[in-house]
Amino acid sequence: MVCVCGIVEALVALAALVFIVVLILAHVTGGMVNLTRHEKEKYFLTPTGEKEPFPSLHDPHSRDLSVVIPAYNEELRMPVMLDEATEYLENRQKKESSFTYEVIVVDDGSKDKTTEVALRYSRKYGSDKVRVLTLVNNRGKGGAVRMGTLSSRGKFILMADADGATKFCDIEKVEAGLNGLDPKPENMAISCGSRAHLEDVSVAQRSMFRTFLMYGFHFLVWFFCVRGIKDTQCGFKLFTREAALKTFSCLHVERWAFDVELLYIAQCFKIPIAEVAVNWTEIEGSKLVPFWSWLQMGRDLVVIRLRYLTGAWKLRSHKSD
């Protein structure tokens, strides 16, 4: 009996030591993300090939809507999405003469012709409506969305995936969700597209292992970071300009788990969040590798909580440029 108690005490002490070491590592490795732009990332090209500087999110809005599309090696899938998005936006502009928009495609250091494909739309619709931000190095989806958001002009900012998995016309659903939030403190609000209503179908189609990973990830999200949002990972989210500035100014995670940190930040600032069911279809060619990507995201969730807990990362108010 004495031997068993000694083993238990030793295991508890070891667990405590490991926890302390993890806390220390999380703290000392929790530096700020480098937001310095390469010179080439400060400009977009006009249809005539001239360079024009991107504006700043700190500036007053000059468009009703900005659509930020992160894209990495998306030369094949992106045209379908851009065709759908621009057709919808152009039709809406015809119906609502005062409606203005811009689309910002952020090429996240692609190795294919993603930038060239996006520039075709810029030439077709003009750089006032479609702009291309080409990152010199791959930052990750979160980094690409942030860089595009910080360069946007919209009163409202929609992030949308390049694969077109969510029907673009469902923007009306997330807009309704955003409008239904009241009050909006300092005009800050977020509306998230959600696939939670499709979960039963997806579970039936997945292997038991992938289902286990999915539920494990959901538990970690709930336990460490975000509660009350069933689907944090849907890439169809609408922000007021004020909410985008508040949250993206504090964002650290630049890869797959960035959505979770973004919503964690929003909840810490008590920014109201709506979750709205949207149509979603899985598109072939996903960059998400099931096991390793879920493993990386799980690690990021733990790191997010620990770094805020230890003070390595702090929530701060944005400052003007």
Protein backbone atom coordinates (compact mmCIF):
# COMPACT_ATOMS: atom_id res chain seq x y z
CA MET A 1 0.00 0.00 0.00
CA VAL A 2 2.84 2.35 0.91
CA CYS A 3 4.49 1.51 -2.41
CA VAL A 4 1.32 2.34 -4.37
CA CYS A 5 0.95 5.68 -2.58
CA GLY A 6 4.56 6.48 -3.36
CA ILE A 7 4.02 5.75 -7.05
CA VAL A 8 0.88 7.91 -7.12
CA GLU A 9 2.71 10.80 -5.45
CA ALA A 10 5.58 10.45 -7.89
CA LEU A 11 3.18 10.50 -10.87
CA VAL A 12 1.38 13.56 -9.52
CA ALA A 13 4.69 15.32 -8.99
CA LEU A 14 5.80 14.37 -12.52
CA ALA A 15 2.52 15.62 -14.00
CA ALA A 16 2.89 18.90 -12.13
CA LEU A 17 6.46 19.26 -13.36
CA VAL A 18 5.45 18.56 -16.95
CA PHE A 19 2.63 21.12 -16.68
CA ILE A 20 5.01 23.76 -15.35
CA VAL A 21 7.51 23.04 -18.13
CA VAL A 22 4.74 23.30 -20.75
CA LEU A 23 3.59 26.62 -19.25
CA ILE A 24 7.12 27.98 -19.35
CA LEU A 25 7.66 26.83 -22.95
CA ALA A 26 4.30 28.28 -24.03
CA HIS A 27 5.22 31.60 -22.44
CA VAL A 28 8.78 31.98 -23.73
CA THR A 29 7.84 30.96 -27.29
CA GLY A 30 4.77 33.22 -27.44
CA GLY A 31 6.11 36.19 -29.35
CA MET A 32 4.03 38.51 -31.50
CA VAL A 33 3.48 37.73 -35.16
CA ASN A 34 5.55 39.81 -37.54
CA LEU A 35 3.13 42.12 -39.35
CA THR A 36 5.81 43.92 -41.32
CA ARG A 37 4.94 43.83 -45.00
CA HIS A 38 7.40 43.12 -47.73
CA GLU A 39 7.59 46.05 -50.11
CA LYS A 40 5.77 44.05 -52.80
CA GLU A 41 2.86 43.39 -50.39
CA LYS A 42 2.09 47.09 -49.97
CA TYR A 43 0.72 47.49 -53.48
CA PHE A 44 -1.81 46.05 -55.90
CA LEU A 45 -1.69 46.26 -59.68
CA THR A 46 -4.16 48.22 -61.77
CA PRO A 47 -5.34 46.77 -65.12
CA THR A 48 -2.73 48.97 -66.81
CA GLY A 49 0.05 47.46 -64.68
CA GLU A 50 0.57 50.47 -62.41
CA LYS A 51 1.20 50.02 -58.68
CA GLU A 52 -1.27 51.48 -56.20
CA PRO A 53 -0.91 51.32 -52.40
CA PHE A 54 -3.39 49.30 -50.36
CA PRO A 55 -5.44 51.30 -47.86
CA SER A 56 -5.54 50.50 -44.12
CA LEU A 57 -8.27 49.01 -41.97
CA HIS A 58 -7.70 51.99 -39.68
CA ASP A 59 -9.02 54.30 -42.42
CA PRO A 60 -12.76 55.13 -42.62
CA HIS A 61 -14.70 52.72 -44.83
CA SER A 62 -15.31 53.69 -48.45
CA ARG A 63 -17.17 50.55 -49.63
CA ASP A 64 -20.20 48.73 -48.28
CA LEU A 65 -18.63 45.28 -48.46
CA SER A 66 -15.16 43.78 -48.69
CA VAL A 67 -14.80 40.10 -49.54
CA VAL A 68 -11.45 38.65 -48.45
CA ILE A 69 -10.49 35.37 -50.13
CA PRO A 70 -7.36 33.55 -48.91
CA ALA A 71 -5.91 31.38 -51.65
CA TYR A 72 -3.00 28.95 -51.71
CA ASN A 73 -2.42 27.02 -54.96
CA GLU A 74 -6.05 27.63 -56.00
CA GLU A 75 -5.69 28.26 -59.75
CA LEU A 76 -8.07 25.37 -60.51
CA ARG A 77 -10.77 25.77 -57.84
CA MET A 78 -10.89 29.54 -57.45
CA PRO A 79 -12.44 30.54 -60.83
CA VAL A 80 -15.73 28.81 -59.98
CA MET A 81 -15.94 30.68 -56.68
CA LEU A 82 -14.95 34.04 -58.21
CA ASP A 83 -17.47 33.63 -61.03
CA GLU A 84 -20.23 32.95 -58.51
CA ALA A 85 -19.19 35.79 -56.19
CA THR A 86 -18.74 38.47 -58.84
CA GLU A 87 -21.99 37.51 -60.57
CA TYR A 88 -23.87 37.85 -57.30
CA LEU A 89 -22.19 41.14 -56.39
CA GLU A 90 -22.70 42.67 -59.83
CA ASN A 91 -26.39 41.68 -59.82
CA ARG A 92 -26.81 43.13 -56.35
CA GLN A 93 -25.22 46.36 -57.47
CA LYS A 94 -27.69 46.57 -60.36
CA LYS A 95 -30.61 46.11 -57.95
CA GLU A 96 -29.16 48.42 -55.29
CA SER A 97 -27.50 51.31 -57.10
CA SER A 98 -25.84 52.61 -53.95
CA PHE A 99 -24.24 49.26 -53.09
CA THR A 100 -20.46 49.16 -53.47
CA TYR A 101 -18.07 46.28 -53.01
CA GLU A 102 -14.54 45.03 -53.42
CA VAL A 103 -13.02 41.55 -53.62
CA ILE A 104 -9.51 41.05 -52.28
CA VAL A 105 -7.82 37.80 -53.30
CA VAL A 106 -4.85 37.08 -51.06
CA ASP A 107 -2.37 34.75 -52.73
CA ASP A 108 -0.64 33.11 -49.77
CA GLY A 109 2.71 32.46 -51.44
CA SER A 110 1.27 30.05 -54.03
CA LYS A 111 3.51 28.01 -56.32
CA ASP A 112 0.97 27.85 -59.13
CA LYS A 113 -0.79 30.56 -61.15
CA THR A 114 -3.21 31.73 -58.45
CA THR A 115 -2.14 35.38 -58.80
CA GLU A 116 -2.41 35.29 -62.60
CA VAL A 117 -5.92 33.82 -62.41
CA ALA A 118 -7.04 36.46 -59.89
CA LEU A 119 -5.56 39.27 -61.97
CA ARG A 120 -7.78 38.23 -64.88
CA TYR A 121 -10.79 39.20 -62.75
CA SER A 122 -9.11 42.45 -61.79
CA ARG A 123 -8.70 43.28 -65.48
CA LYS A 124 -12.29 42.26 -66.20
CA TYR A 125 -13.98 44.21 -63.38
CA GLY A 126 -11.32 46.81 -62.63
CA SER A 127 -8.99 47.06 -59.64
CA ASP A 128 -11.52 49.18 -57.80
CA LYS A 129 -13.66 46.04 -57.50
CA VAL A 130 -11.13 43.18 -57.57
CA ARG A 131 -7.68 43.50 -56.06
CA VAL A 132 -4.91 40.95 -55.65
CA LEU A 133 -2.56 40.88 -52.68
CA THR A 134 0.33 38.50 -53.34
CA LEU A 135 2.26 37.50 -50.23
CA VAL A 136 5.96 36.89 -50.78
CA ASN A 137 6.03 34.00 -48.29
CA ASN A 138 3.35 31.56 -47.18
CA ARG A 139 1.86 32.73 -43.87
CA GLY A 140 -1.01 30.28 -43.52
CA LYS A 141 -4.74 30.82 -43.98
CA GLY A 142 -5.08 32.98 -40.88
CA GLY A 143 -2.16 35.15 -41.90
CA ALA A 144 -3.60 35.57 -45.40
CA VAL A 145 -7.06 36.51 -44.10
CA ARG A 146 -5.53 39.02 -41.69
CA MET A 147 -3.39 40.68 -44.36
CA GLY A 148 -6.40 40.99 -46.66
CA THR A 149 -8.62 42.32 -43.89
CA LEU A 150 -6.06 44.93 -42.88
CA SER A 151 -6.07 46.11 -46.53
CA SER A 152 -9.84 46.34 -46.91
CA ARG A 153 -12.19 49.29 -47.39
CA GLY A 154 -15.55 47.77 -46.47
CA LYS A 155 -18.04 48.77 -43.81
CA PHE A 156 -18.58 45.03 -43.54
CA ILE A 157 -15.90 42.43 -44.21
CA LEU A 158 -16.65 38.88 -45.32
CA MET A 159 -14.03 36.15 -45.29
CA ALA A 160 -14.83 33.41 -47.80
CA ASP A 161 -12.90 30.34 -48.88
CA ALA A 162 -11.53 30.10 -52.42
CA ASP A 163 -13.03 26.66 -53.02
CA GLY A 164 -16.60 28.00 -53.01
CA ALA A 165 -17.80 25.30 -50.60
CA THR A 166 -20.37 27.76 -49.21
CA LYS A 167 -22.85 29.22 -51.68
CA PHE A 168 -21.99 32.90 -52.00
CA CYS A 169 -25.63 33.97 -51.98
CA ASP A 170 -25.71 32.76 -48.36
CA ILE A 171 -24.11 36.07 -47.52
CA GLU A 172 -27.71 37.22 -47.14
CA LYS A 173 -28.13 34.73 -44.29
CA VAL A 174 -25.05 35.90 -42.39
CA GLU A 175 -26.06 39.51 -43.02
CA ALA A 176 -29.46 38.78 -41.48
CA GLY A 177 -27.70 37.15 -38.52
CA LEU A 178 -25.51 40.22 -38.09
CA ASN A 179 -28.46 42.61 -38.34
CA GLY A 180 -30.32 40.55 -35.74
CA LEU A 181 -27.65 41.20 -33.11
CA ASP A 182 -28.71 44.02 -30.84
CA PRO A 183 -27.13 45.89 -29.22
CA LYS A 184 -23.81 46.14 -31.03
CA PRO A 185 -21.35 47.72 -28.57
CA GLU A 186 -19.23 50.27 -30.44
CA ASN A 187 -20.81 48.83 -33.62
CA MET A 188 -18.91 45.56 -33.16
CA ALA A 189 -20.56 42.28 -34.22
CA ILE A 190 -19.68 39.03 -36.01
CA SER A 191 -21.88 36.57 -37.91
CA CYS A 192 -20.51 33.08 -38.52
CA GLY A 193 -21.68 30.70 -41.20
CA SER A 194 -22.22 27.26 -39.69
CA ARG A 195 -22.27 23.65 -40.91
CA ALA A 196 -23.40 22.26 -37.54
CA HIS A 197 -26.81 21.35 -38.99
CA LEU A 198 -25.01 19.00 -41.40
CA GLU A 199 -23.10 17.15 -38.68
CA ASP A 200 -25.31 14.05 -38.56
CA VAL A 201 -24.88 13.53 -42.29
CA SER A 202 -21.11 14.09 -42.14
CA VAL A 203 -20.72 11.62 -39.26
CA ALA A 204 -22.54 8.96 -41.29
CA GLN A 205 -20.12 9.49 -44.19
CA ARG A 206 -16.88 9.65 -42.15
CA SER A 207 -14.76 6.82 -40.82
CA MET A 208 -14.90 6.19 -37.07
CA PHE A 209 -11.35 7.54 -36.73
CA ARG A 210 -12.14 10.84 -38.46
CA THR A 211 -15.35 11.16 -36.42
CA PHE A 212 -13.30 10.66 -33.25
CA LEU A 213 -10.88 13.40 -34.36
CA MET A 214 -13.76 15.76 -35.12
CA TYR A 215 -15.42 15.31 -31.74
CA GLY A 216 -12.05 15.51 -30.01
CA PHE A 217 -11.35 18.84 -31.70
CA HIS A 218 -14.81 20.16 -30.77
CA PHE A 219 -14.21 19.21 -27.14
CA LEU A 220 -10.83 20.98 -27.09
CA VAL A 221 -12.39 24.11 -28.62
CA TRP A 222 -15.09 24.09 -25.94
CA PHE A 223 -12.74 23.26 -23.06
CA PHE A 224 -9.91 25.67 -23.86
CA CYS A 225 -11.26 28.53 -25.93
CA VAL A 226 -14.75 29.10 -27.31
CA ARG A 227 -18.14 28.16 -25.93
CA GLY A 228 -21.55 28.64 -27.48
CA ILE A 229 -20.38 28.34 -31.10
CA LYS A 230 -20.94 24.88 -32.60
CA ASP A 231 -18.87 25.39 -35.79
CA THR A 232 -15.83 27.62 -35.38
CA GLN A 233 -14.11 26.45 -38.58
CA CYS A 234 -16.54 27.38 -41.35
CA GLY A 235 -14.67 29.81 -43.60
CA PHE A 236 -17.65 32.11 -44.13
CA LYS A 237 -17.69 34.87 -41.51
CA LEU A 238 -18.96 38.45 -41.65
CA PHE A 239 -17.53 41.23 -39.48
CA THR A 240 -18.40 44.83 -38.94
CA ARG A 241 -15.34 46.94 -39.67
CA GLU A 242 -15.00 47.79 -36.00
CA ALA A 243 -15.11 44.13 -34.95
CA ALA A 244 -12.55 43.17 -37.59
CA LEU A 245 -10.14 45.86 -36.39
CA LYS A 246 -10.56 44.84 -32.75
CA THR A 247 -10.06 41.11 -33.31
CA PHE A 248 -7.52 40.93 -36.13
CA SER A 249 -5.31 43.47 -34.35
CA CYS A 250 -4.89 40.93 -31.54
CA LEU A 251 -4.63 37.75 -33.63
CA HIS A 252 -1.51 35.59 -33.24
CA VAL A 253 -2.33 32.20 -34.84
CA GLU A 254 -1.79 32.27 -38.60
CA ARG A 255 -2.69 28.73 -39.59
CA TRP A 256 -5.77 26.50 -39.36
CA ALA A 257 -6.79 27.27 -35.76
CA PHE A 258 -6.89 31.03 -36.31
CA ASP A 259 -10.72 31.02 -36.39
CA VAL A 260 -10.77 29.73 -32.82
CA GLU A 261 -8.44 32.43 -31.52
CA LEU A 262 -10.42 35.06 -33.43
CA LEU A 263 -13.66 34.00 -31.74
CA TYR A 264 -11.90 33.64 -28.38
CA ILE A 265 -10.73 37.25 -28.69
CA ALA A 266 -14.25 38.35 -29.67
CA GLN A 267 -15.77 36.64 -26.64
CA CYS A 268 -13.14 38.16 -24.34
CA PHE A 269 -14.12 41.60 -25.66
CA LYS A 270 -17.82 40.65 -25.35
CA ILE A 271 -18.40 41.19 -29.06
CA PRO A 272 -21.81 39.67 -29.94
CA ILE A 273 -21.60 36.66 -32.28
CA ALA A 274 -24.38 35.08 -34.36
CA GLU A 275 -24.15 31.57 -35.78
CA VAL A 276 -26.17 31.00 -38.95
CA ALA A 277 -26.73 27.78 -40.91
CA VAL A 278 -25.38 27.94 -44.48
CA ASN A 279 -25.33 25.61 -47.45
CA TRP A 280 -22.03 23.78 -47.71
CA THR A 281 -20.60 21.22 -50.12
CA GLU A 282 -17.26 19.49 -49.74
CA ILE A 283 -15.01 20.38 -52.68
CA GLU A 284 -12.16 18.11 -53.77
CA GLY A 285 -8.63 19.43 -53.40
CA SER A 286 -8.67 20.48 -49.73
CA LYS A 287 -5.27 21.46 -48.27
CA LEU A 288 -6.35 20.02 -44.91
CA VAL A 289 -4.57 16.72 -44.20
CA PRO A 290 -7.04 14.95 -41.86
CA PHE A 291 -4.76 13.53 -39.15
CA TRP A 292 -1.83 15.95 -39.11
CA SER A 293 -3.93 19.09 -39.57
CA TRP A 294 -6.27 18.09 -36.73
CA LEU A 295 -3.24 17.29 -34.57
CA GLN A 296 -1.71 20.70 -35.32
CA MET A 297 -5.00 22.44 -34.58
CA GLY A 298 -5.37 20.56 -31.30
CA ARG A 299 -1.88 21.65 -30.28
CA ASP A 300 -2.67 25.24 -31.28
CA LEU A 301 -5.81 25.25 -29.10
CA VAL A 302 -3.83 24.25 -26.03
CA VAL A 303 -1.13 26.80 -26.87
CA ILE A 304 -3.69 29.60 -27.38
CA ARG A 305 -5.15 29.10 -23.90
CA LEU A 306 -1.81 28.68 -22.16
CA ARG A 307 -0.24 31.75 -23.76
CA TYR A 308 -3.13 33.98 -22.77
CA LEU A 309 -3.15 32.36 -19.33
CA THR A 310 0.54 33.07 -18.74
CA GLY A 311 0.38 36.57 -20.18
CA ALA A 312 2.64 35.77 -23.14
CA TRP A 313 -0.20 37.01 -25.33
CA LYS A 314 -2.31 39.95 -24.21
CA LEU A 315 -5.54 41.43 -25.47
CA ARG A 316 -4.98 45.05 -26.30
CA SER A 317 -6.84 47.92 -27.85
CA HIS A 318 -5.81 48.75 -31.42
CA LYS A 319 -3.89 51.89 -32.15
CA SER A 320 -4.04 53.97 -35.27
CA ASP A 321 -1.21 53.65 -37.77
